[in-house]
Amino acid sequence: MSRKKKFWTSGHKLYCHLISSLS
C-alpha cells in the first residue's frame, strides 16, 4: 500500500508540474 501511495504522490507532482507549464 505504501508503495502505491508513493507512486500516486509522484504522479501528482508530475501532474502539478504539467499544469504549471501549460498555464
Protein backbone atom coordinates (compact mmCIF):
# COMPACT_ATOMS: atom_id res chain seq x y z
CA MET A 1 0.00 0.00 0.00
CA SER A 2 2.83 2.38 0.89
CA ARG A 3 4.42 1.72 -2.47
CA LYS A 4 1.19 2.66 -4.24
CA LYS A 5 0.93 5.87 -2.23
CA LYS A 6 4.48 6.82 -3.23
CA PHE A 7 3.62 6.27 -6.88
CA TRP A 8 0.47 8.36 -6.55
CA THR A 9 2.40 11.20 -4.96
CA SER A 10 4.96 11.08 -7.77
CA GLY A 11 2.22 11.17 -10.37
CA HIS A 12 0.52 14.08 -8.60
CA LYS A 13 3.76 16.06 -8.53
CA LEU A 14 4.24 15.42 -12.24
CA TYR A 15 0.66 16.49 -12.93
CA CYS A 16 1.13 19.75 -11.00
CA HIS A 17 4.30 20.46 -12.97
CA LEU A 18 2.47 19.84 -16.24
CA ILE A 19 -0.35 22.21 -15.29
CA SER A 20 2.17 24.85 -14.26
CA SER A 21 3.91 24.55 -17.62
CA LEU A 22 0.62 24.86 -19.50
CA SER A 23 -0.51 27.89 -17.53
